[in-house]
PDB file of all heavy atoms in Angstrom:
ATOM      1  N   LYS A   1     200.722 -15.733 211.314  1.00  0.00           N
ATOM      2  CA  LYS A   1     201.974 -15.532 210.589  1.00  0.00           C
ATOM      3  C   LYS A   1     201.934 -16.359 209.314  1.00  0.00           C
ATOM      4  O   LYS A   1     201.311 -17.418 209.269  1.00  0.00           O
ATOM      5  CB  LYS A   1     203.171 -15.970 211.436  1.00  0.00           C
ATOM      6  CG  LYS A   1     203.454 -15.077 212.609  1.00  0.00           C
ATOM      7  CD  LYS A   1     204.701 -15.539 213.319  1.00  0.00           C
ATOM      8  CE  LYS A   1     204.998 -14.619 214.491  1.00  0.00           C
ATOM      9  NZ  LYS A   1     206.219 -15.031 215.194  1.00  0.00           N
ATOM     10  N   ILE A   2     202.633 -15.879 208.296  1.00  0.00           N
ATOM     11  CA  ILE A   2     202.710 -16.597 207.026  1.00  0.00           C
ATOM     12  C   ILE A   2     204.110 -17.195 206.882  1.00  0.00           C
ATOM     13  O   ILE A   2     205.100 -16.565 207.267  1.00  0.00           O
ATOM     14  CB  ILE A   2     202.355 -15.678 205.838  1.00  0.00           C
ATOM     15  CG1 ILE A   2     202.254 -16.482 204.550  1.00  0.00           C
ATOM     16  CG2 ILE A   2     203.336 -14.536 205.717  1.00  0.00           C
ATOM     17  CD1 ILE A   2     201.638 -15.711 203.401  1.00  0.00           C
ATOM     18  N   HIS A   3     204.173 -18.424 206.363  1.00  0.00           N
ATOM     19  CA  HIS A   3     205.439 -19.153 206.249  1.00  0.00           C
ATOM     20  C   HIS A   3     205.501 -19.878 204.913  1.00  0.00           C
ATOM     21  O   HIS A   3     204.481 -20.100 204.266  1.00  0.00           O
ATOM     22  CB  HIS A   3     205.556 -20.226 207.339  1.00  0.00           C
ATOM     23  CG  HIS A   3     205.270 -19.765 208.714  1.00  0.00           C
ATOM     24  ND1 HIS A   3     206.189 -19.113 209.497  1.00  0.00           N
ATOM     25  CD2 HIS A   3     204.152 -19.861 209.461  1.00  0.00           C
ATOM     26  CE1 HIS A   3     205.655 -18.835 210.678  1.00  0.00           C
ATOM     27  NE2 HIS A   3     204.416 -19.278 210.673  1.00  0.00           N
ATOM     28  N   ASP A   4     206.710 -20.342 204.589  1.00  0.00           N
ATOM     29  CA  ASP A   4     206.833 -21.280 203.482  1.00  0.00           C
ATOM     30  C   ASP A   4     206.560 -22.685 204.025  1.00  0.00           C
ATOM     31  O   ASP A   4     206.219 -22.853 205.201  1.00  0.00           O
ATOM     32  CB  ASP A   4     208.200 -21.169 202.796  1.00  0.00           C
ATOM     33  CG  ASP A   4     209.366 -21.593 203.680  1.00  0.00           C
ATOM     34  OD1 ASP A   4     209.151 -22.050 204.817  1.00  0.00           O
ATOM     35  OD2 ASP A   4     210.513 -21.455 203.215  1.00  0.00           O
ATOM     36  N   GLU A   5     206.729 -23.697 203.200  1.00  0.00           N
ATOM     37  CA  GLU A   5     206.387 -25.055 203.629  1.00  0.00           C
ATOM     38  C   GLU A   5     207.309 -25.605 204.710  1.00  0.00           C
ATOM     39  O   GLU A   5     206.973 -26.550 205.393  1.00  0.00           O
ATOM     40  CB  GLU A   5     206.316 -26.008 202.441  1.00  0.00           C
ATOM     41  CG  GLU A   5     207.600 -26.169 201.646  1.00  0.00           C
ATOM     42  CD  GLU A   5     207.738 -25.183 200.509  1.00  0.00           C
ATOM     43  OE1 GLU A   5     208.089 -24.020 200.775  1.00  0.00           O
ATOM     44  OE2 GLU A   5     207.519 -25.578 199.359  1.00  0.00           O
ATOM     45  N   GLN A   6     208.460 -24.975 204.907  1.00  0.00           N
ATOM     46  CA  GLN A   6     209.391 -25.397 205.962  1.00  0.00           C
ATOM     47  C   GLN A   6     209.326 -24.468 207.178  1.00  0.00           C
ATOM     48  O   GLN A   6     210.238 -24.458 207.997  1.00  0.00           O
ATOM     49  CB  GLN A   6     210.821 -25.428 205.408  1.00  0.00           C
ATOM     50  CG  GLN A   6     211.019 -26.456 204.309  1.00  0.00           C
ATOM     51  CD  GLN A   6     210.885 -27.858 204.843  1.00  0.00           C
ATOM     52  OE1 GLN A   6     211.498 -28.217 205.840  1.00  0.00           O
ATOM     53  NE2 GLN A   6     210.051 -28.655 204.199  1.00  0.00           N
ATOM     54  N   LEU A   7     208.267 -23.675 207.273  1.00  0.00           N
ATOM     55  CA  LEU A   7     208.028 -22.694 208.332  1.00  0.00           C
ATOM     56  C   LEU A   7     209.089 -21.588 208.335  1.00  0.00           C
ATOM     57  O   LEU A   7     209.372 -20.979 209.357  1.00  0.00           O
ATOM     58  CB  LEU A   7     207.943 -23.360 209.709  1.00  0.00           C
ATOM     59  CG  LEU A   7     206.840 -24.401 209.864  1.00  0.00           C
ATOM     60  CD1 LEU A   7     206.893 -25.038 211.237  1.00  0.00           C
ATOM     61  CD2 LEU A   7     205.480 -23.792 209.601  1.00  0.00           C
ATOM     62  N   GLY A   8     209.659 -21.322 207.183  1.00  0.00           N
ATOM     63  CA  GLY A   8     210.641 -20.257 207.036  1.00  0.00           C
ATOM     64  C   GLY A   8     210.008 -18.972 206.551  1.00  0.00           C
ATOM     65  O   GLY A   8     208.831 -18.916 206.194  1.00  0.00           O
ATOM     66  N   ARG A   9     210.824 -17.942 206.545  1.00  0.00           N
ATOM     67  CA  ARG A   9     210.377 -16.622 206.108  1.00  0.00           C
ATOM     68  C   ARG A   9     210.303 -16.586 204.587  1.00  0.00           C
ATOM     69  O   ARG A   9     211.134 -17.162 203.893  1.00  0.00           O
ATOM     70  CB  ARG A   9     211.371 -15.590 206.627  1.00  0.00           C
ATOM     71  CG  ARG A   9     210.949 -14.184 206.449  1.00  0.00           C
ATOM     72  CD  ARG A   9     211.893 -13.287 207.231  1.00  0.00           C
ATOM     73  NE  ARG A   9     212.051 -12.046 206.531  1.00  0.00           N
ATOM     74  CZ  ARG A   9     213.014 -11.193 206.740  1.00  0.00           C
ATOM     75  NH1 ARG A   9     213.937 -11.441 207.643  1.00  0.00           N
ATOM     76  NH2 ARG A   9     213.084 -10.079 206.078  1.00  0.00           N
ATOM     77  N   LEU A  10     209.304 -15.887 204.075  1.00  0.00           N
ATOM     78  CA  LEU A  10     209.086 -15.798 202.637  1.00  0.00           C
ATOM     79  C   LEU A  10     209.768 -14.569 202.061  1.00  0.00           C
ATOM     80  O   LEU A  10     209.894 -13.547 202.726  1.00  0.00           O
ATOM     81  CB  LEU A  10     207.583 -15.725 202.336  1.00  0.00           C
ATOM     82  CG  LEU A  10     206.813 -16.992 202.690  1.00  0.00           C
ATOM     83  CD1 LEU A  10     205.347 -16.700 202.840  1.00  0.00           C
ATOM     84  CD2 LEU A  10     207.048 -18.037 201.639  1.00  0.00           C
ATOM     85  N   GLY A  11     210.166 -14.673 200.806  1.00  0.00           N
ATOM     86  CA  GLY A  11     210.811 -13.566 200.122  1.00  0.00           C
ATOM     87  C   GLY A  11     209.808 -12.678 199.395  1.00  0.00           C
ATOM     88  O   GLY A  11     208.645 -13.026 199.194  1.00  0.00           O
ATOM     89  N   PHE A  12     210.299 -11.519 198.987  1.00  0.00           N
ATOM     90  CA  PHE A  12     209.478 -10.509 198.310  1.00  0.00           C
ATOM     91  C   PHE A  12     208.833 -11.056 197.045  1.00  0.00           C
ATOM     92  O   PHE A  12     207.645 -10.874 196.822  1.00  0.00           O
ATOM     93  CB  PHE A  12     210.350  -9.285 197.988  1.00  0.00           C
ATOM     94  CG  PHE A  12     209.611  -8.176 197.307  1.00  0.00           C
ATOM     95  CD1 PHE A  12     208.914  -7.243 198.052  1.00  0.00           C
ATOM     96  CD2 PHE A  12     209.614  -8.062 195.926  1.00  0.00           C
ATOM     97  CE1 PHE A  12     208.231  -6.221 197.427  1.00  0.00           C
ATOM     98  CE2 PHE A  12     208.933  -7.041 195.295  1.00  0.00           C
ATOM     99  CZ  PHE A  12     208.241  -6.111 196.050  1.00  0.00           C
ATOM    100  N   TRP A  13     209.598 -11.736 196.195  1.00  0.00           N
ATOM    101  CA  TRP A  13     209.074 -12.181 194.902  1.00  0.00           C
ATOM    102  C   TRP A  13     208.081 -13.332 195.036  1.00  0.00           C
ATOM    103  O   TRP A  13     207.111 -13.411 194.279  1.00  0.00           O
ATOM    104  CB  TRP A  13     210.214 -12.526 193.955  1.00  0.00           C
ATOM    105  CG  TRP A  13     210.979 -11.291 193.598  1.00  0.00           C
ATOM    106  CD1 TRP A  13     212.252 -10.985 193.963  1.00  0.00           C
ATOM    107  CD2 TRP A  13     210.493 -10.169 192.857  1.00  0.00           C
ATOM    108  NE1 TRP A  13     212.583  -9.749 193.487  1.00  0.00           N
ATOM    109  CE2 TRP A  13     211.532  -9.213 192.799  1.00  0.00           C
ATOM    110  CE3 TRP A  13     209.283  -9.866 192.232  1.00  0.00           C
ATOM    111  CZ2 TRP A  13     211.403  -8.002 192.149  1.00  0.00           C
ATOM    112  CZ3 TRP A  13     209.157  -8.652 191.581  1.00  0.00           C
ATOM    113  CH2 TRP A  13     210.200  -7.737 191.543  1.00  0.00           C
ATOM    114  N   ARG A  14     208.307 -14.206 195.977  1.00  0.00           N
ATOM    115  CA  ARG A  14     207.360 -15.304 196.198  1.00  0.00           C
ATOM    116  C   ARG A  14     206.033 -14.745 196.688  1.00  0.00           C
ATOM    117  O   ARG A  14     204.961 -15.173 196.266  1.00  0.00           O
ATOM    118  CB  ARG A  14     207.932 -16.288 197.202  1.00  0.00           C
ATOM    119  CG  ARG A  14     207.101 -17.535 197.353  1.00  0.00           C
ATOM    120  CD  ARG A  14     207.884 -18.527 198.162  1.00  0.00           C
ATOM    121  NE  ARG A  14     207.223 -19.787 198.288  1.00  0.00           N
ATOM    122  CZ  ARG A  14     207.772 -20.834 198.838  1.00  0.00           C
ATOM    123  NH1 ARG A  14     209.012 -20.778 199.281  1.00  0.00           N
ATOM    124  NH2 ARG A  14     207.116 -21.962 198.941  1.00  0.00           N
ATOM    125  N   LEU A  15     206.091 -13.771 197.579  1.00  0.00           N
ATOM    126  CA  LEU A  15     204.863 -13.148 198.065  1.00  0.00           C
ATOM    127  C   LEU A  15     204.204 -12.294 196.982  1.00  0.00           C
ATOM    128  O   LEU A  15     202.980 -12.149 196.968  1.00  0.00           O
ATOM    129  CB  LEU A  15     205.142 -12.321 199.314  1.00  0.00           C
ATOM    130  CG  LEU A  15     205.366 -13.165 200.563  1.00  0.00           C
ATOM    131  CD1 LEU A  15     205.970 -12.348 201.687  1.00  0.00           C
ATOM    132  CD2 LEU A  15     204.066 -13.812 201.011  1.00  0.00           C
ATOM    133  N   THR A  16     204.996 -11.763 196.064  1.00  0.00           N
ATOM    134  CA  THR A  16     204.410 -11.041 194.935  1.00  0.00           C
ATOM    135  C   THR A  16     203.608 -12.003 194.065  1.00  0.00           C
ATOM    136  O   THR A  16     202.485 -11.697 193.658  1.00  0.00           O
ATOM    137  CB  THR A  16     205.515 -10.353 194.104  1.00  0.00           C
ATOM    138  OG1 THR A  16     206.138  -9.361 194.917  1.00  0.00           O
ATOM    139  CG2 THR A  16     204.954  -9.716 192.851  1.00  0.00           C
ATOM    140  N   GLY A  17     204.164 -13.175 193.803  1.00  0.00           N
ATOM    141  CA  GLY A  17     203.419 -14.185 193.059  1.00  0.00           C
ATOM    142  C   GLY A  17     202.154 -14.606 193.780  1.00  0.00           C
ATOM    143  O   GLY A  17     201.101 -14.769 193.174  1.00  0.00           O
ATOM    144  N   ARG A  18     202.228 -14.752 195.099  1.00  0.00           N
ATOM    145  CA  ARG A  18     201.061 -15.102 195.897  1.00  0.00           C
ATOM    146  C   ARG A  18     200.012 -13.994 195.829  1.00  0.00           C
ATOM    147  O   ARG A  18     198.818 -14.249 195.735  1.00  0.00           O
ATOM    148  CB  ARG A  18     201.454 -15.353 197.353  1.00  0.00           C
ATOM    149  CG  ARG A  18     200.289 -15.767 198.213  1.00  0.00           C
ATOM    150  CD  ARG A  18     200.698 -15.871 199.687  1.00  0.00           C
ATOM    151  NE  ARG A  18     199.549 -16.188 200.492  1.00  0.00           N
ATOM    152  CZ  ARG A  18     198.670 -15.286 200.922  1.00  0.00           C
ATOM    153  NH1 ARG A  18     198.834 -14.019 200.641  1.00  0.00           N
ATOM    154  NH2 ARG A  18     197.632 -15.653 201.636  1.00  0.00           N
ATOM    155  N   TYR A  19     200.470 -12.748 195.882  1.00  0.00           N
ATOM    156  CA  TYR A  19     199.542 -11.608 195.816  1.00  0.00           C
ATOM    157  C   TYR A  19     198.748 -11.640 194.513  1.00  0.00           C
ATOM    158  O   TYR A  19     197.538 -11.466 194.515  1.00  0.00           O
ATOM    159  CB  TYR A  19     200.320 -10.296 195.936  1.00  0.00           C
ATOM    160  CG  TYR A  19     199.456  -9.070 195.841  1.00  0.00           C
ATOM    161  CD1 TYR A  19     198.742  -8.618 196.950  1.00  0.00           C
ATOM    162  CD2 TYR A  19     199.324  -8.361 194.652  1.00  0.00           C
ATOM    163  CE1 TYR A  19     197.933  -7.510 196.869  1.00  0.00           C
ATOM    164  CE2 TYR A  19     198.523  -7.252 194.567  1.00  0.00           C
ATOM    165  CZ  TYR A  19     197.834  -6.822 195.678  1.00  0.00           C
ATOM    166  OH  TYR A  19     197.025  -5.712 195.585  1.00  0.00           O
ATOM    167  N   PHE A  20     199.444 -11.873 193.405  1.00  0.00           N
ATOM    168  CA  PHE A  20     198.733 -11.930 192.129  1.00  0.00           C
ATOM    169  C   PHE A  20     197.887 -13.183 192.003  1.00  0.00           C
ATOM    170  O   PHE A  20     196.869 -13.189 191.318  1.00  0.00           O
ATOM    171  CB  PHE A  20     199.722 -11.804 190.969  1.00  0.00           C
ATOM    172  CG  PHE A  20     200.216 -10.409 190.783  1.00  0.00           C
ATOM    173  CD1 PHE A  20     201.468 -10.043 191.225  1.00  0.00           C
ATOM    174  CD2 PHE A  20     199.423  -9.456 190.179  1.00  0.00           C
ATOM    175  CE1 PHE A  20     201.930  -8.750 191.067  1.00  0.00           C
ATOM    176  CE2 PHE A  20     199.868  -8.158 190.011  1.00  0.00           C
ATOM    177  CZ  PHE A  20     201.116  -7.801 190.464  1.00  0.00           C
ATOM    178  N   ALA A  21     198.265 -14.252 192.671  1.00  0.00           N
ATOM    179  CA  ALA A  21     197.457 -15.475 192.649  1.00  0.00           C
ATOM    180  C   ALA A  21     196.145 -15.275 193.410  1.00  0.00           C
ATOM    181  O   ALA A  21     195.172 -15.991 193.152  1.00  0.00           O
ATOM    182  CB  ALA A  21     198.240 -16.643 193.237  1.00  0.00           C
ATOM    183  N   THR A  22     196.098 -14.319 194.335  1.00  0.00           N
ATOM    184  CA  THR A  22     194.832 -14.045 195.020  1.00  0.00           C
ATOM    185  C   THR A  22     193.786 -13.523 194.042  1.00  0.00           C
ATOM    186  O   THR A  22     192.593 -13.713 194.262  1.00  0.00           O
ATOM    187  CB  THR A  22     194.993 -13.043 196.190  1.00  0.00           C
ATOM    188  OG1 THR A  22     195.532 -11.828 195.700  1.00  0.00           O
ATOM    189  CG2 THR A  22     195.862 -13.607 197.279  1.00  0.00           C
ATOM    190  N   TRP A  23     194.240 -12.892 192.954  1.00  0.00           N
ATOM    191  CA  TRP A  23     193.291 -12.465 191.929  1.00  0.00           C
ATOM    192  C   TRP A  23     192.605 -13.668 191.306  1.00  0.00           C
ATOM    193  O   TRP A  23     191.413 -13.628 191.016  1.00  0.00           O
ATOM    194  CB  TRP A  23     194.010 -11.653 190.845  1.00  0.00           C
ATOM    195  CG  TRP A  23     194.480 -10.320 191.307  1.00  0.00           C
ATOM    196  CD1 TRP A  23     195.746  -9.976 191.670  1.00  0.00           C
ATOM    197  CD2 TRP A  23     193.685  -9.152 191.490  1.00  0.00           C
ATOM    198  NE1 TRP A  23     195.778  -8.664 192.056  1.00  0.00           N
ATOM    199  CE2 TRP A  23     194.533  -8.130 191.954  1.00  0.00           C
ATOM    200  CE3 TRP A  23     192.346  -8.862 191.299  1.00  0.00           C
ATOM    201  CZ2 TRP A  23     194.081  -6.847 192.227  1.00  0.00           C
ATOM    202  CZ3 TRP A  23     191.897  -7.582 191.574  1.00  0.00           C
ATOM    203  CH2 TRP A  23     192.763  -6.600 192.034  1.00  0.00           C
ATOM    204  N   LEU A  24     193.343 -14.744 191.115  1.00  0.00           N
ATOM    205  CA  LEU A  24     192.746 -15.957 190.568  1.00  0.00           C
ATOM    206  C   LEU A  24     191.712 -16.523 191.541  1.00  0.00           C
ATOM    207  O   LEU A  24     190.624 -16.926 191.139  1.00  0.00           O
ATOM    208  CB  LEU A  24     193.821 -17.004 190.275  1.00  0.00           C
ATOM    209  CG  LEU A  24     193.347 -18.328 189.705  1.00  0.00           C
ATOM    210  CD1 LEU A  24     192.676 -18.121 188.352  1.00  0.00           C
ATOM    211  CD2 LEU A  24     194.494 -19.306 189.584  1.00  0.00           C
ATOM    212  N   SER A  25     192.040 -16.521 192.834  1.00  0.00           N
ATOM    213  CA  SER A  25     191.084 -16.989 193.839  1.00  0.00           C
ATOM    214  C   SER A  25     189.825 -16.125 193.842  1.00  0.00           C
ATOM    215  O   SER A  25     188.740 -16.608 194.152  1.00  0.00           O
ATOM    216  CB  SER A  25     191.714 -16.958 195.238  1.00  0.00           C
ATOM    217  OG  SER A  25     192.720 -17.919 195.349  1.00  0.00           O
ATOM    218  N   THR A  26     189.970 -14.862 193.487  1.00  0.00           N
ATOM    219  CA  THR A  26     188.844 -13.941 193.473  1.00  0.00           C
ATOM    220  C   THR A  26     187.979 -14.113 192.235  1.00  0.00           C
ATOM    221  O   THR A  26     186.754 -14.170 192.344  1.00  0.00           O
ATOM    222  CB  THR A  26     189.353 -12.484 193.550  1.00  0.00           C
ATOM    223  OG1 THR A  26     190.153 -12.336 194.719  1.00  0.00           O
ATOM    224  CG2 THR A  26     188.205 -11.500 193.593  1.00  0.00           C
ATOM    225  N   ILE A  27     188.596 -14.199 191.065  1.00  0.00           N
ATOM    226  CA  ILE A  27     187.804 -14.196 189.831  1.00  0.00           C
ATOM    227  C   ILE A  27     187.052 -15.504 189.600  1.00  0.00           C
ATOM    228  O   ILE A  27     186.164 -15.531 188.754  1.00  0.00           O
ATOM    229  CB  ILE A  27     188.653 -13.834 188.585  1.00  0.00           C
ATOM    230  CG1 ILE A  27     189.743 -14.855 188.329  1.00  0.00           C
ATOM    231  CG2 ILE A  27     189.199 -12.445 188.695  1.00  0.00           C
ATOM    232  CD1 ILE A  27     190.512 -14.639 187.031  1.00  0.00           C
ATOM    233  N   ILE A  28     187.368 -16.535 190.341  1.00  0.00           N
ATOM    234  CA  ILE A  28     186.584 -17.773 190.225  1.00  0.00           C
ATOM    235  C   ILE A  28     185.559 -17.841 191.365  1.00  0.00           C
ATOM    236  O   ILE A  28     185.396 -18.856 192.026  1.00  0.00           O
ATOM    237  CB  ILE A  28     187.473 -19.025 190.174  1.00  0.00           C
ATOM    238  CG1 ILE A  28     188.375 -19.118 191.400  1.00  0.00           C
ATOM    239  CG2 ILE A  28     188.278 -19.070 188.898  1.00  0.00           C
ATOM    240  CD1 ILE A  28     189.101 -20.441 191.526  1.00  0.00           C
ATOM    241  N   LEU A  29     184.891 -16.704 191.569  1.00  0.00           N
ATOM    242  CA  LEU A  29     183.787 -16.577 192.539  1.00  0.00           C
ATOM    243  C   LEU A  29     184.226 -16.872 193.968  1.00  0.00           C
ATOM    244  O   LEU A  29     183.496 -17.490 194.735  1.00  0.00           O
ATOM    245  CB  LEU A  29     182.614 -17.471 192.135  1.00  0.00           C
ATOM    246  CG  LEU A  29     182.070 -17.241 190.719  1.00  0.00           C
ATOM    247  CD1 LEU A  29     181.020 -18.277 190.377  1.00  0.00           C
ATOM    248  CD2 LEU A  29     181.527 -15.842 190.574  1.00  0.00           C
ATOM    249  N   PHE A  30     185.418 -16.475 194.322  1.00  0.00           N
ATOM    250  CA  PHE A  30     185.975 -16.596 195.668  1.00  0.00           C
ATOM    251  C   PHE A  30     186.160 -18.044 196.123  1.00  0.00           C
ATOM    252  O   PHE A  30     186.401 -18.301 197.298  1.00  0.00           O
ATOM    253  CB  PHE A  30     185.132 -15.826 196.686  1.00  0.00           C
ATOM    254  CG  PHE A  30     185.073 -14.358 196.409  1.00  0.00           C
ATOM    255  CD1 PHE A  30     184.013 -13.793 195.720  1.00  0.00           C
ATOM    256  CD2 PHE A  30     186.102 -13.535 196.827  1.00  0.00           C
ATOM    257  CE1 PHE A  30     183.970 -12.435 195.467  1.00  0.00           C
ATOM    258  CE2 PHE A  30     186.073 -12.175 196.571  1.00  0.00           C
ATOM    259  CZ  PHE A  30     184.998 -11.615 195.884  1.00  0.00           C
ATOM    260  N   ILE A  31     186.062 -18.988 195.206  1.00  0.00           N
ATOM    261  CA  ILE A  31     186.222 -20.396 195.567  1.00  0.00           C
ATOM    262  C   ILE A  31     187.613 -20.647 196.138  1.00  0.00           C
ATOM    263  O   ILE A  31     187.790 -21.436 197.066  1.00  0.00           O
ATOM    264  CB  ILE A  31     185.934 -21.312 194.356  1.00  0.00           C
ATOM    265  CG1 ILE A  31     184.454 -21.230 194.005  1.00  0.00           C
ATOM    266  CG2 ILE A  31     186.349 -22.747 194.621  1.00  0.00           C
ATOM    267  CD1 ILE A  31     184.076 -21.903 192.707  1.00  0.00           C
ATOM    268  N   GLY A  32     188.620 -19.949 195.605  1.00  0.00           N
ATOM    269  CA  GLY A  32     189.981 -20.097 196.103  1.00  0.00           C
ATOM    270  C   GLY A  32     190.111 -19.727 197.577  1.00  0.00           C
ATOM    271  O   GLY A  32     190.940 -20.278 198.292  1.00  0.00           O
ATOM    272  N   PHE A  33     189.279 -18.801 198.040  1.00  0.00           N
ATOM    273  CA  PHE A  33     189.294 -18.425 199.454  1.00  0.00           C
ATOM    274  C   PHE A  33     188.495 -19.417 200.302  1.00  0.00           C
ATOM    275  O   PHE A  33     188.885 -19.734 201.420  1.00  0.00           O
ATOM    276  CB  PHE A  33     188.732 -17.018 199.647  1.00  0.00           C
ATOM    277  CG  PHE A  33     189.590 -15.947 199.054  1.00  0.00           C
ATOM    278  CD1 PHE A  33     189.196 -15.284 197.906  1.00  0.00           C
ATOM    279  CD2 PHE A  33     190.806 -15.605 199.622  1.00  0.00           C
ATOM    280  CE1 PHE A  33     189.976 -14.295 197.342  1.00  0.00           C
ATOM    281  CE2 PHE A  33     191.604 -14.618 199.077  1.00  0.00           C
ATOM    282  CZ  PHE A  33     191.185 -13.966 197.930  1.00  0.00           C
ATOM    283  N   PHE A  34     187.384 -19.889 199.773  1.00  0.00           N
ATOM    284  CA  PHE A  34     186.564 -20.841 200.522  1.00  0.00           C
ATOM    285  C   PHE A  34     187.259 -22.180 200.719  1.00  0.00           C
ATOM    286  O   PHE A  34     186.920 -22.932 201.631  1.00  0.00           O
ATOM    287  CB  PHE A  34     185.199 -21.033 199.854  1.00  0.00           C
ATOM    288  CG  PHE A  34     184.335 -19.810 199.913  1.00  0.00           C
ATOM    289  CD1 PHE A  34     183.827 -19.246 198.756  1.00  0.00           C
ATOM    290  CD2 PHE A  34     184.041 -19.205 201.120  1.00  0.00           C
ATOM    291  CE1 PHE A  34     183.032 -18.115 198.799  1.00  0.00           C
ATOM    292  CE2 PHE A  34     183.251 -18.072 201.180  1.00  0.00           C
ATOM    293  CZ  PHE A  34     182.749 -17.527 200.012  1.00  0.00           C
ATOM    294  N   MET A  35     188.259 -22.457 199.887  1.00  0.00           N
ATOM    295  CA  MET A  35     189.042 -23.681 200.054  1.00  0.00           C
ATOM    296  C   MET A  35     189.741 -23.715 201.407  1.00  0.00           C
ATOM    297  O   MET A  35     190.023 -24.792 201.935  1.00  0.00           O
ATOM    298  CB  MET A  35     190.112 -23.777 198.951  1.00  0.00           C
ATOM    299  CG  MET A  35     189.574 -24.113 197.585  1.00  0.00           C
ATOM    300  SD  MET A  35     190.841 -24.031 196.297  1.00  0.00           S
ATOM    301  CE  MET A  35     192.086 -25.118 196.919  1.00  0.00           C
ATOM    302  N   ILE A  36     190.016 -22.544 201.974  1.00  0.00           N
ATOM    303  CA  ILE A  36     190.699 -22.468 203.264  1.00  0.00           C
ATOM    304  C   ILE A  36     189.918 -23.230 204.327  1.00  0.00           C
ATOM    305  O   ILE A  36     190.502 -23.889 205.188  1.00  0.00           O
ATOM    306  CB  ILE A  36     190.905 -20.992 203.685  1.00  0.00           C
ATOM    307  CG1 ILE A  36     191.822 -20.282 202.692  1.00  0.00           C
ATOM    308  CG2 ILE A  36     191.452 -20.890 205.098  1.00  0.00           C
ATOM    309  CD1 ILE A  36     191.844 -18.776 202.833  1.00  0.00           C
ATOM    310  N   GLY A  37     188.609 -23.166 204.266  1.00  0.00           N
ATOM    311  CA  GLY A  37     187.777 -23.825 205.264  1.00  0.00           C
ATOM    312  C   GLY A  37     187.776 -25.337 205.200  1.00  0.00           C
ATOM    313  O   GLY A  37     187.480 -26.003 206.187  1.00  0.00           O
TER     314      GLY A  37
END
């Protein structure tokens, strides 16, 4: 499950910003995703 920092439900616009931020994680050679580990 995905949450905000207070373990609450996320809104549409915040998740839209997160969705576009995944592009940044992608274009820097997936380093943004490898940070998860």
